Amino acid sequence: MSVILCDIDHFKLYNNSYGHQAGDSCLKQVASAIGKSVRSGELAGRYGGEEFAVVLPDADFKTALSVAERIVSNVRALDIPHKSSKTCNIVTLSCVIATRTVEDGSSLDLLI
């Protein structure tokens, strides 16, 4: 099992620059792009303010990395302007991956 956590880069600056209604629209577009990046049986949802979680029940690290790369690419393809970003002039995501195997015996809480 793998979990991908995604965070919109510099989202507070986005909200400050464009306003909360634009921020809500951005969140919806990013959520849609993430949803289109996962396959049947994989779960994607909002995890916090500008954070998203993707649960891949049968994925090893390599598979999860491929999904994370697809997510990042699909969000970049939205080409949402972000004039206040410290890293890019469009909205981008940062992702982390955690993978758990049956053999390692770690709990799901530890995975998150």
PDB file of N, CA and C in Angstrom:
ATOM      1  N   MET A   1       0.850  -1.176   0.000  1.00  0.00           N
ATOM      2  CA  MET A   1       0.000   0.000   0.000  1.00  0.00           C
ATOM      3  C   MET A   1       0.892   1.234   0.000  1.00  0.00           C
ATOM      4  N   SER A   2       0.467   2.243  -0.761  1.00  0.00           N
ATOM      5  CA  SER A   2       1.188   3.511  -0.767  1.00  0.00           C
ATOM      6  C   SER A   2       0.198   4.655  -0.576  1.00  0.00           C
ATOM      7  N   VAL A   3       0.710   5.721  -0.011  1.00  0.00           N
ATOM      8  CA  VAL A   3      -0.064   6.947   0.171  1.00  0.00           C
ATOM      9  C   VAL A   3       0.766   8.095  -0.386  1.00  0.00           C
ATOM     10  N   ILE A   4       0.112   8.955  -1.144  1.00  0.00           N
ATOM     11  CA  ILE A   4       0.749  10.168  -1.648  1.00  0.00           C
ATOM     12  C   ILE A   4       0.053  11.349  -0.981  1.00  0.00           C
ATOM     13  N   LEU A   5       0.828  12.215  -0.358  1.00  0.00           N
ATOM     14  CA  LEU A   5       0.289  13.456   0.181  1.00  0.00           C
ATOM     15  C   LEU A   5       0.771  14.588  -0.716  1.00  0.00           C
ATOM     16  N   CYS A   6      -0.162  15.435  -1.134  1.00  0.00           N
ATOM     17  CA  CYS A   6       0.141  16.538  -2.046  1.00  0.00           C
ATOM     18  C   CYS A   6      -0.229  17.860  -1.372  1.00  0.00           C
ATOM     19  N   ASP A   7       0.572  18.869  -1.618  1.00  0.00           N
ATOM     20  CA  ASP A   7       0.350  20.184  -1.046  1.00  0.00           C
ATOM     21  C   ASP A   7       0.531  21.222  -2.156  1.00  0.00           C
ATOM     22  N   ILE A   8      -0.424  22.120  -2.307  1.00  0.00           N
ATOM     23  CA  ILE A   8      -0.287  23.180  -3.307  1.00  0.00           C
ATOM     24  C   ILE A   8       0.786  24.145  -2.810  1.00  0.00           C
ATOM     25  N   ASP A   9       1.796  24.357  -3.643  1.00  0.00           N
ATOM     26  CA  ASP A   9       2.910  25.216  -3.267  1.00  0.00           C
ATOM     27  C   ASP A   9       2.464  26.669  -3.112  1.00  0.00           C
ATOM     28  N   HIS A  10       2.797  27.265  -1.964  1.00  0.00           N
ATOM     29  CA  HIS A  10       2.570  28.685  -1.694  1.00  0.00           C
ATOM     30  C   HIS A  10       1.099  29.088  -1.866  1.00  0.00           C
ATOM     31  N   PHE A  11       0.204  28.232  -1.394  1.00  0.00           N
ATOM     32  CA  PHE A  11      -1.219  28.505  -1.583  1.00  0.00           C
ATOM     33  C   PHE A  11      -1.692  29.719  -0.790  1.00  0.00           C
ATOM     34  N   LYS A  12      -1.135  29.941   0.379  1.00  0.00           N
ATOM     35  CA  LYS A  12      -1.509  31.129   1.164  1.00  0.00           C
ATOM     36  C   LYS A  12      -1.221  32.399   0.358  1.00  0.00           C
ATOM     37  N   LEU A  13      -0.087  32.425  -0.326  1.00  0.00           N
ATOM     38  CA  LEU A  13       0.241  33.572  -1.172  1.00  0.00           C
ATOM     39  C   LEU A  13      -0.741  33.692  -2.345  1.00  0.00           C
ATOM     40  N   TYR A  14      -1.189  32.545  -2.855  1.00  0.00           N
ATOM     41  CA  TYR A  14      -2.195  32.549  -3.929  1.00  0.00           C
ATOM     42  C   TYR A  14      -3.475  33.215  -3.430  1.00  0.00           C
ATOM     43  N   ASN A  15      -3.958  32.769  -2.275  1.00  0.00           N
ATOM     44  CA  ASN A  15      -5.178  33.349  -1.700  1.00  0.00           C
ATOM     45  C   ASN A  15      -5.015  34.840  -1.435  1.00  0.00           C
ATOM     46  N   ASN A  16      -3.856  35.234  -0.921  1.00  0.00           N
ATOM     47  CA  ASN A  16      -3.610  36.646  -0.627  1.00  0.00           C
ATOM     48  C   ASN A  16      -3.594  37.487  -1.903  1.00  0.00           C
ATOM     49  N   SER A  17      -3.110  36.925  -2.992  1.00  0.00           N
ATOM     50  CA  SER A  17      -3.000  37.670  -4.252  1.00  0.00           C
ATOM     51  C   SER A  17      -4.297  37.717  -5.037  1.00  0.00           C
ATOM     52  N   TYR A  18      -5.021  36.607  -5.060  1.00  0.00           N
ATOM     53  CA  TYR A  18      -6.182  36.488  -5.944  1.00  0.00           C
ATOM     54  C   TYR A  18      -7.526  36.487  -5.213  1.00  0.00           C
ATOM     55  N   GLY A  19      -7.512  36.299  -3.902  1.00  0.00           N
ATOM     56  CA  GLY A  19      -8.743  36.258  -3.121  1.00  0.00           C
ATOM     57  C   GLY A  19      -9.243  34.832  -2.898  1.00  0.00           C
ATOM     58  N   HIS A  20     -10.097  34.689  -1.907  1.00  0.00           N
ATOM     59  CA  HIS A  20     -10.566  33.362  -1.498  1.00  0.00           C
ATOM     60  C   HIS A  20     -11.471  32.692  -2.532  1.00  0.00           C
ATOM     61  N   GLN A  21     -12.234  33.449  -3.278  1.00  0.00           N
ATOM     62  CA  GLN A  21     -13.067  32.821  -4.318  1.00  0.00           C
ATOM     63  C   GLN A  21     -12.191  32.199  -5.391  1.00  0.00           C
ATOM     64  N   ALA A  22     -11.137  32.898  -5.782  1.00  0.00           N
ATOM     65  CA  ALA A  22     -10.194  32.328  -6.751  1.00  0.00           C
ATOM     66  C   ALA A  22      -9.485  31.128  -6.145  1.00  0.00           C
ATOM     67  N   GLY A  23      -9.181  31.210  -4.845  1.00  0.00           N
ATOM     68  CA  GLY A  23      -8.562  30.083  -4.148  1.00  0.00           C
ATOM     69  C   GLY A  23      -9.464  28.861  -4.168  1.00  0.00           C
ATOM     70  N   ASP A  24     -10.758  29.058  -3.941  1.00  0.00           N
ATOM     71  CA  ASP A  24     -11.709  27.942  -3.993  1.00  0.00           C
ATOM     72  C   ASP A  24     -11.751  27.321  -5.384  1.00  0.00           C
ATOM     73  N   SER A  25     -11.748  28.181  -6.397  1.00  0.00           N
ATOM     74  CA  SER A  25     -11.742  27.693  -7.777  1.00  0.00           C
ATOM     75  C   SER A  25     -10.467  26.909  -8.071  1.00  0.00           C
ATOM     76  N   CYS A  26      -9.347  27.410  -7.598  1.00  0.00           N
ATOM     77  CA  CYS A  26      -8.069  26.718  -7.778  1.00  0.00           C
ATOM     78  C   CYS A  26      -8.109  25.343  -7.122  1.00  0.00           C
ATOM     79  N   LEU A  27      -8.611  25.278  -5.889  1.00  0.00           N
ATOM     80  CA  LEU A  27      -8.712  24.000  -5.179  1.00  0.00           C
ATOM     81  C   LEU A  27      -9.560  22.997  -5.961  1.00  0.00           C
ATOM     82  N   LYS A  28     -10.673  23.457  -6.505  1.00  0.00           N
ATOM     83  CA  LYS A  28     -11.553  22.573  -7.277  1.00  0.00           C
ATOM     84  C   LYS A  28     -10.849  22.059  -8.530  1.00  0.00           C
ATOM     85  N   GLN A  29     -10.122  22.943  -9.218  1.00  0.00           N
ATOM     86  CA  GLN A  29      -9.413  22.526 -10.427  1.00  0.00           C
ATOM     87  C   GLN A  29      -8.300  21.522 -10.101  1.00  0.00           C
ATOM     88  N   VAL A  30      -7.563  21.793  -9.031  1.00  0.00           N
ATOM     89  CA  VAL A  30      -6.492  20.879  -8.627  1.00  0.00           C
ATOM     90  C   VAL A  30      -7.090  19.535  -8.204  1.00  0.00           C
ATOM     91  N   ALA A  31      -8.175  19.568  -7.443  1.00  0.00           N
ATOM     92  CA  ALA A  31      -8.826  18.327  -7.022  1.00  0.00           C
ATOM     93  C   ALA A  31      -9.273  17.509  -8.229  1.00  0.00           C
ATOM     94  N   SER A  32      -9.817  18.167  -9.223  1.00  0.00           N
ATOM     95  CA  SER A  32     -10.249  17.479 -10.439  1.00  0.00           C
ATOM     96  C   SER A  32      -9.059  16.847 -11.164  1.00  0.00           C
ATOM     97  N   ALA A  33      -7.956  17.597 -11.267  1.00  0.00           N
ATOM     98  CA  ALA A  33      -6.758  17.070 -11.933  1.00  0.00           C
ATOM     99  C   ALA A  33      -6.199  15.864 -11.182  1.00  0.00           C
ATOM    100  N   ILE A  34      -6.230  15.919  -9.863  1.00  0.00           N
ATOM    101  CA  ILE A  34      -5.764  14.778  -9.069  1.00  0.00           C
ATOM    102  C   ILE A  34      -6.693  13.590  -9.287  1.00  0.00           C
ATOM    103  N   GLY A  35      -7.994  13.835  -9.251  1.00  0.00           N
ATOM    104  CA  GLY A  35      -8.965  12.761  -9.467  1.00  0.00           C
ATOM    105  C   GLY A  35      -8.803  12.079 -10.814  1.00  0.00           C
ATOM    106  N   LYS A  36      -8.468  12.852 -11.835  1.00  0.00           N
ATOM    107  CA  LYS A  36      -8.257  12.289 -13.171  1.00  0.00           C
ATOM    108  C   LYS A  36      -6.926  11.553 -13.283  1.00  0.00           C
ATOM    109  N   SER A  37      -6.071  11.714 -12.292  1.00  0.00           N
ATOM    110  CA  SER A  37      -4.739  11.095 -12.325  1.00  0.00           C
ATOM    111  C   SER A  37      -4.721   9.699 -11.718  1.00  0.00           C
ATOM    112  N   VAL A  38      -5.781   9.339 -11.003  1.00  0.00           N
ATOM    113  CA  VAL A  38      -5.810   8.038 -10.342  1.00  0.00           C
ATOM    114  C   VAL A  38      -6.705   7.073 -11.110  1.00  0.00           C
ATOM    115  N   ARG A  39      -6.473   5.791 -10.857  1.00  0.00           N
ATOM    116  CA  ARG A  39      -7.225   4.746 -11.558  1.00  0.00           C
ATOM    117  C   ARG A  39      -8.309   4.171 -10.650  1.00  0.00           C
ATOM    118  N   SER A  40      -9.139   3.354 -11.219  1.00  0.00           N
ATOM    119  CA  SER A  40     -10.201   2.695 -10.464  1.00  0.00           C
ATOM    120  C   SER A  40      -9.595   1.937  -9.285  1.00  0.00           C
ATOM    121  N   GLY A  41     -10.199   2.073  -8.125  1.00  0.00           N
ATOM    122  CA  GLY A  41      -9.714   1.397  -6.927  1.00  0.00           C
ATOM    123  C   GLY A  41      -8.732   2.229  -6.113  1.00  0.00           C
ATOM    124  N   GLU A  42      -8.278   3.338  -6.674  1.00  0.00           N
ATOM    125  CA  GLU A  42      -7.408   4.258  -5.951  1.00  0.00           C
ATOM    126  C   GLU A  42      -8.266   5.414  -5.460  1.00  0.00           C
ATOM    127  N   LEU A  43      -7.953   5.937  -4.296  1.00  0.00           N
ATOM    128  CA  LEU A  43      -8.794   6.957  -3.669  1.00  0.00           C
ATOM    129  C   LEU A  43      -8.038   8.278  -3.574  1.00  0.00           C
ATOM    130  N   ALA A  44      -8.699   9.355  -3.936  1.00  0.00           N
ATOM    131  CA  ALA A  44      -8.103  10.681  -3.822  1.00  0.00           C
ATOM    132  C   ALA A  44      -9.098  11.607  -3.140  1.00  0.00           C
ATOM    133  N   GLY A  45      -8.603  12.449  -2.254  1.00  0.00           N
ATOM    134  CA  GLY A  45      -9.479  13.392  -1.577  1.00  0.00           C
ATOM    135  C   GLY A  45      -8.697  14.491  -0.892  1.00  0.00           C
ATOM    136  N   ARG A  46      -9.426  15.494  -0.483  1.00  0.00           N
ATOM    137  CA  ARG A  46      -8.810  16.606   0.236  1.00  0.00           C
ATOM    138  C   ARG A  46      -8.461  16.141   1.636  1.00  0.00           C
ATOM    139  N   TYR A  47      -7.259  16.475   2.073  1.00  0.00           N
ATOM    140  CA  TYR A  47      -6.751  16.029   3.367  1.00  0.00           C
ATOM    141  C   TYR A  47      -6.732  17.171   4.375  1.00  0.00           C
ATOM    142  N   GLY A  48      -6.608  18.375   3.902  1.00  0.00           N
ATOM    143  CA  GLY A  48      -6.562  19.562   4.748  1.00  0.00           C
ATOM    144  C   GLY A  48      -6.798  20.775   3.880  1.00  0.00           C
ATOM    145  N   GLY A  49      -6.457  21.937   4.361  1.00  0.00           N
ATOM    146  CA  GLY A  49      -6.677  23.181   3.632  1.00  0.00           C
ATOM    147  C   GLY A  49      -6.345  23.100   2.152  1.00  0.00           C
ATOM    148  N   GLU A  50      -5.061  22.987   1.835  1.00  0.00           N
ATOM    149  CA  GLU A  50      -4.629  22.867   0.444  1.00  0.00           C
ATOM    150  C   GLU A  50      -3.856  21.573   0.234  1.00  0.00           C
ATOM    151  N   GLU A  51      -4.173  20.595   1.055  1.00  0.00           N
ATOM    152  CA  GLU A  51      -3.497  19.298   0.999  1.00  0.00           C
ATOM    153  C   GLU A  51      -4.468  18.224   0.513  1.00  0.00           C
ATOM    154  N   PHE A  52      -3.916  17.282  -0.219  1.00  0.00           N
ATOM    155  CA  PHE A  52      -4.696  16.174  -0.758  1.00  0.00           C
ATOM    156  C   PHE A  52      -3.979  14.872  -0.444  1.00  0.00           C
ATOM    157  N   ALA A  53      -4.756  13.810  -0.269  1.00  0.00           N
ATOM    158  CA  ALA A  53      -4.196  12.477  -0.036  1.00  0.00           C
ATOM    159  C   ALA A  53      -4.694  11.546  -1.132  1.00  0.00           C
ATOM    160  N   VAL A  54      -3.800  10.690  -1.570  1.00  0.00           N
ATOM    161  CA  VAL A  54      -4.131   9.673  -2.562  1.00  0.00           C
ATOM    162  C   VAL A  54      -3.727   8.334  -1.960  1.00  0.00           C
ATOM    163  N   VAL A  55      -4.678   7.419  -1.860  1.00  0.00           N
ATOM    164  CA  VAL A  55      -4.422   6.092  -1.298  1.00  0.00           C
ATOM    165  C   VAL A  55      -4.393   5.087  -2.448  1.00  0.00           C
ATOM    166  N   LEU A  56      -3.283   4.375  -2.527  1.00  0.00           N
ATOM    167  CA  LEU A  56      -3.079   3.377  -3.580  1.00  0.00           C
ATOM    168  C   LEU A  56      -2.966   2.011  -2.897  1.00  0.00           C
ATOM    169  N   PRO A  57      -4.074   1.273  -2.793  1.00  0.00           N
ATOM    170  CA  PRO A  57      -4.104   0.052  -1.990  1.00  0.00           C
ATOM    171  C   PRO A  57      -3.092  -1.023  -2.384  1.00  0.00           C
ATOM    172  N   ASP A  58      -2.815  -1.172  -3.661  1.00  0.00           N
ATOM    173  CA  ASP A  58      -1.936  -2.259  -4.107  1.00  0.00           C
ATOM    174  C   ASP A  58      -0.694  -1.746  -4.821  1.00  0.00           C
ATOM    175  N   ALA A  59      -0.187  -0.591  -4.413  1.00  0.00           N
ATOM    176  CA  ALA A  59       0.921   0.022  -5.142  1.00  0.00           C
ATOM    177  C   ALA A  59       2.227  -0.034  -4.356  1.00  0.00           C
ATOM    178  N   ASP A  60       3.281  -0.424  -5.049  1.00  0.00           N
ATOM    179  CA  ASP A  60       4.617  -0.321  -4.473  1.00  0.00           C
ATOM    180  C   ASP A  60       5.128   1.101  -4.706  1.00  0.00           C
ATOM    181  N   PHE A  61       6.344   1.382  -4.243  1.00  0.00           N
ATOM    182  CA  PHE A  61       6.879   2.740  -4.355  1.00  0.00           C
ATOM    183  C   PHE A  61       6.992   3.184  -5.808  1.00  0.00           C
ATOM    184  N   LYS A  62       7.463   2.310  -6.668  1.00  0.00           N
ATOM    185  CA  LYS A  62       7.659   2.669  -8.078  1.00  0.00           C
ATOM    186  C   LYS A  62       6.334   3.067  -8.726  1.00  0.00           C
ATOM    187  N   THR A  63       5.285   2.310  -8.451  1.00  0.00           N
ATOM    188  CA  THR A  63       3.964   2.625  -8.992  1.00  0.00           C
ATOM    189  C   THR A  63       3.463   3.947  -8.422  1.00  0.00           C
ATOM    190  N   ALA A  64       3.647   4.149  -7.123  1.00  0.00           N
ATOM    191  CA  ALA A  64       3.214   5.394  -6.488  1.00  0.00           C
ATOM    192  C   ALA A  64       3.961   6.592  -7.060  1.00  0.00           C
ATOM    193  N   LEU A  65       5.241   6.417  -7.340  1.00  0.00           N
ATOM    194  CA  LEU A  65       6.019   7.498  -7.937  1.00  0.00           C
ATOM    195  C   LEU A  65       5.462   7.874  -9.306  1.00  0.00           C
ATOM    196  N   SER A  66       5.078   6.879 -10.074  1.00  0.00           N
ATOM    197  CA  SER A  66       4.488   7.129 -11.388  1.00  0.00           C
ATOM    198  C   SER A  66       3.179   7.914 -11.261  1.00  0.00           C
ATOM    199  N   VAL A  67       2.353   7.550 -10.295  1.00  0.00           N
ATOM    200  CA  VAL A  67       1.095   8.260 -10.069  1.00  0.00           C
ATOM    201  C   VAL A  67       1.380   9.693  -9.619  1.00  0.00           C
ATOM    202  N   ALA A  68       2.330   9.878  -8.706  1.00  0.00           N
ATOM    203  CA  ALA A  68       2.672  11.222  -8.229  1.00  0.00           C
ATOM    204  C   ALA A  68       3.173  12.097  -9.378  1.00  0.00           C
ATOM    205  N   GLU A  69       3.987  11.529 -10.245  1.00  0.00           N
ATOM    206  CA  GLU A  69       4.477  12.288 -11.401  1.00  0.00           C
ATOM    207  C   GLU A  69       3.336  12.680 -12.332  1.00  0.00           C
ATOM    208  N   ARG A  70       2.370  11.785 -12.493  1.00  0.00           N
ATOM    209  CA  ARG A  70       1.197  12.081 -13.327  1.00  0.00           C
ATOM    210  C   ARG A  70       0.368  13.202 -12.690  1.00  0.00           C
ATOM    211  N   ILE A  71       0.208  13.154 -11.377  1.00  0.00           N
ATOM    212  CA  ILE A  71      -0.544  14.196 -10.666  1.00  0.00           C
ATOM    213  C   ILE A  71       0.130  15.555 -10.862  1.00  0.00           C
ATOM    214  N   VAL A  72       1.432  15.606 -10.614  1.00  0.00           N
ATOM    215  CA  VAL A  72       2.170  16.867 -10.748  1.00  0.00           C
ATOM    216  C   VAL A  72       2.048  17.404 -12.174  1.00  0.00           C
ATOM    217  N   SER A  73       2.186  16.534 -13.140  1.00  0.00           N
ATOM    218  CA  SER A  73       2.092  16.937 -14.545  1.00  0.00           C
ATOM    219  C   SER A  73       0.694  17.452 -14.886  1.00  0.00           C
ATOM    220  N   ASN A  74      -0.337  16.755 -14.423  1.00  0.00           N
ATOM    221  CA  ASN A  74      -1.712  17.174 -14.712  1.00  0.00           C
ATOM    222  C   ASN A  74      -2.059  18.508 -14.059  1.00  0.00           C
ATOM    223  N   VAL A  75      -1.525  18.765 -12.870  1.00  0.00           N
ATOM    224  CA  VAL A  75      -1.777  20.048 -12.215  1.00  0.00           C
ATOM    225  C   VAL A  75      -1.031  21.160 -12.950  1.00  0.00           C
ATOM    226  N   ARG A  76       0.210  20.913 -13.350  1.00  0.00           N
ATOM    227  CA  ARG A  76       0.959  21.922 -14.120  1.00  0.00           C
ATOM    228  C   ARG A  76       0.235  22.238 -15.435  1.00  0.00           C
ATOM    229  N   ALA A  77      -0.358  21.218 -16.045  1.00  0.00           N
ATOM    230  CA  ALA A  77      -1.054  21.403 -17.323  1.00  0.00           C
ATOM    231  C   ALA A  77      -2.277  22.312 -17.186  1.00  0.00           C
ATOM    232  N   LEU A  78      -2.793  22.478 -15.980  1.00  0.00           N
ATOM    233  CA  LEU A  78      -3.902  23.409 -15.767  1.00  0.00           C
ATOM    234  C   LEU A  78      -3.474  24.839 -16.093  1.00  0.00           C
ATOM    235  N   ASP A  79      -2.188  25.114 -15.915  1.00  0.00           N
ATOM    236  CA  ASP A  79      -1.601  26.418 -16.250  1.00  0.00           C
ATOM    237  C   ASP A  79      -2.317  27.565 -15.523  1.00  0.00           C
ATOM    238  N   ILE A  80      -2.589  27.350 -14.226  1.00  0.00           N
ATOM    239  CA  ILE A  80      -3.243  28.373 -13.406  1.00  0.00           C
ATOM    240  C   ILE A  80      -2.173  29.392 -12.991  1.00  0.00           C
ATOM    241  N   PRO A  81      -2.322  30.652 -13.382  1.00  0.00           N
ATOM    242  CA  PRO A  81      -1.314  31.660 -13.015  1.00  0.00           C
ATOM    243  C   PRO A  81      -1.153  31.797 -11.506  1.00  0.00           C
ATOM    244  N   HIS A  82       0.095  32.007 -11.073  1.00  0.00           N
ATOM    245  CA  HIS A  82       0.388  32.202  -9.643  1.00  0.00           C
ATOM    246  C   HIS A  82       1.533  33.208  -9.540  1.00  0.00           C
ATOM    247  N   LYS A  83       1.173  34.478  -9.624  1.00  0.00           N
ATOM    248  CA  LYS A  83       2.180  35.534  -9.653  1.00  0.00           C
ATOM    249  C   LYS A  83       2.958  35.683  -8.352  1.00  0.00           C
ATOM    250  N   SER A  84       2.446  35.162  -7.252  1.00  0.00           N
ATOM    251  CA  SER A  84       3.110  35.316  -5.956  1.00  0.00           C
ATOM    252  C   SER A  84       3.939  34.106  -5.549  1.00  0.00           C
ATOM    253  N   SER A  85       3.929  33.067  -6.354  1.00  0.00           N
ATOM    254  CA  SER A  85       4.675  31.859  -6.013  1.00  0.00           C
ATOM    255  C   SER A  85       6.163  32.154  -5.951  1.00  0.00           C
ATOM    256  N   LYS A  86       6.829  31.501  -5.023  1.00  0.00           N
ATOM    257  CA  LYS A  86       8.276  31.655  -4.887  1.00  0.00           C
ATOM    258  C   LYS A  86       9.029  30.641  -5.737  1.00  0.00           C
ATOM    259  N   THR A  87       8.291  29.741  -6.409  1.00  0.00           N
ATOM    260  CA  THR A  87       8.957  28.685  -7.175  1.00  0.00           C
ATOM    261  C   THR A  87       8.600  28.667  -8.655  1.00  0.00           C
ATOM    262  N   CYS A  88       7.408  29.149  -9.023  1.00  0.00           N
ATOM    263  CA  CYS A  88       6.970  29.036 -10.410  1.00  0.00           C
ATOM    264  C   CYS A  88       5.872  30.060 -10.662  1.00  0.00           C
ATOM    265  N   ASN A  89       5.657  30.417 -11.913  1.00  0.00           N
ATOM    266  CA  ASN A  89       4.627  31.417 -12.208  1.00  0.00           C
ATOM    267  C   ASN A  89       3.243  30.799 -12.424  1.00  0.00           C
ATOM    268  N   ILE A  90       3.130  29.479 -12.202  1.00  0.00           N
ATOM    269  CA  ILE A  90       1.842  28.790 -12.244  1.00  0.00           C
ATOM    270  C   ILE A  90       1.693  27.963 -10.969  1.00  0.00           C
ATOM    271  N   VAL A  91       0.480  27.513 -10.705  1.00  0.00           N
ATOM    272  CA  VAL A  91       0.214  26.667  -9.534  1.00  0.00           C
ATOM    273  C   VAL A  91       0.905  25.312  -9.710  1.00  0.00           C
ATOM    274  N   THR A  92       1.630  24.902  -8.680  1.00  0.00           N
ATOM    275  CA  THR A  92       2.328  23.616  -8.675  1.00  0.00           C
ATOM    276  C   THR A  92       2.038  22.884  -7.369  1.00  0.00           C
ATOM    277  N   LEU A  93       2.402  21.604  -7.356  1.00  0.00           N
ATOM    278  CA  LEU A  93       2.223  20.756  -6.172  1.00  0.00           C
ATOM    279  C   LEU A  93       3.559  20.189  -5.735  1.00  0.00           C
ATOM    280  N   SER A  94       3.665  19.944  -4.443  1.00  0.00           N
ATOM    281  CA  SER A  94       4.742  19.126  -3.905  1.00  0.00           C
ATOM    282  C   SER A  94       4.095  17.863  -3.358  1.00  0.00           C
ATOM    283  N   CYS A  95       4.725  16.717  -3.604  1.00  0.00           N
ATOM    284  CA  CYS A  95       4.165  15.437  -3.164  1.00  0.00           C
ATOM    285  C   CYS A  95       5.196  14.648  -2.384  1.00  0.00           C
ATOM    286  N   VAL A  96       4.719  13.882  -1.424  1.00  0.00           N
ATOM    287  CA  VAL A  96       5.545  12.908  -0.713  1.00  0.00           C
ATOM    288  C   VAL A  96       4.847  11.562  -0.803  1.00  0.00           C
ATOM    289  N   ILE A  97       5.646  10.507  -0.774  1.00  0.00           N
ATOM    290  CA  ILE A  97       5.115   9.145  -0.899  1.00  0.00           C
ATOM    291  C   ILE A  97       5.551   8.331   0.302  1.00  0.00           C
ATOM    292  N   ALA A  98       4.630   7.561   0.837  1.00  0.00           N
ATOM    293  CA  ALA A  98       4.946   6.570   1.871  1.00  0.00           C
ATOM    294  C   ALA A  98       4.411   5.231   1.386  1.00  0.00           C
ATOM    295  N   THR A  99       5.222   4.199   1.551  1.00  0.00           N
ATOM    296  CA  THR A  99       4.826   2.856   1.112  1.00  0.00           C
ATOM    297  C   THR A  99       4.940   1.898   2.283  1.00  0.00           C
ATOM    298  N   ARG A 100       3.974   1.021   2.393  1.00  0.00           N
ATOM    299  CA  ARG A 100       3.938   0.016   3.456  1.00  0.00           C
ATOM    300  C   ARG A 100       3.787  -1.348   2.805  1.00  0.00           C
ATOM    301  N   THR A 101       4.567  -2.306   3.279  1.00  0.00           N
ATOM    302  CA  THR A 101       4.412  -3.678   2.809  1.00  0.00           C
ATOM    303  C   THR A 101       3.887  -4.526   3.957  1.00  0.00           C
ATOM    304  N   VAL A 102       3.305  -5.639   3.617  1.00  0.00           N
ATOM    305  CA  VAL A 102       2.800  -6.554   4.643  1.00  0.00           C
ATOM    306  C   VAL A 102       3.950  -6.998   5.536  1.00  0.00           C
ATOM    307  N   GLU A 103       5.115  -7.165   4.940  1.00  0.00           N
ATOM    308  CA  GLU A 103       6.265  -7.655   5.684  1.00  0.00           C
ATOM    309  C   GLU A 103       6.777  -6.670   6.728  1.00  0.00           C
ATOM    310  N   ASP A 104       6.631  -5.363   6.481  1.00  0.00           N
ATOM    311  CA  ASP A 104       7.213  -4.410   7.429  1.00  0.00           C
ATOM    312  C   ASP A 104       6.371  -4.249   8.688  1.00  0.00           C
ATOM    313  N   GLY A 105       5.112  -4.639   8.624  1.00  0.00           N
ATOM    314  CA  GLY A 105       4.264  -4.664   9.821  1.00  0.00           C
ATOM    315  C   GLY A 105       3.931  -3.305  10.384  1.00  0.00           C
ATOM    316  N   SER A 106       4.248  -2.229   9.709  1.00  0.00           N
ATOM    317  CA  SER A 106       3.936  -0.911  10.236  1.00  0.00           C
ATOM    318  C   SER A 106       2.427  -0.655  10.179  1.00  0.00           C
ATOM    319  N   SER A 107       1.962   0.170  11.093  1.00  0.00           N
ATOM    320  CA  SER A 107       0.536   0.477  11.134  1.00  0.00           C
ATOM    321  C   SER A 107       0.184   1.513  10.075  1.00  0.00           C
ATOM    322  N   LEU A 108      -1.096   1.607   9.780  1.00  0.00           N
ATOM    323  CA  LEU A 108      -1.559   2.611   8.821  1.00  0.00           C
ATOM    324  C   LEU A 108      -1.323   4.021   9.366  1.00  0.00           C
ATOM    325  N   ASP A 109      -1.453   4.200  10.692  1.00  0.00           N
ATOM    326  CA  ASP A 109      -1.184   5.508  11.284  1.00  0.00           C
ATOM    327  C   ASP A 109       0.260   5.925  11.065  1.00  0.00           C
ATOM    328  N   LEU A 110       1.162   4.966  11.209  1.00  0.00           N
ATOM    329  CA  LEU A 110       2.576   5.243  10.988  1.00  0.00           C
ATOM    330  C   LEU A 110       2.841   5.574   9.523  1.00  0.00           C
ATOM    331  N   LEU A 111       2.119   4.943   8.631  1.00  0.00           N
ATOM    332  CA  LEU A 111       2.269   5.212   7.198  1.00  0.00           C
ATOM    333  C   LEU A 111       1.953   6.681   6.900  1.00  0.00           C
ATOM    334  N   ILE A 112       0.862   7.178   7.465  1.00  0.00           N
ATOM    335  CA  ILE A 112       0.483   8.585   7.262  1.00  0.00           C
ATOM    336  C   ILE A 112       1.505   9.480   7.934  1.00  0.00           C
TER     337      ILE A 112
END
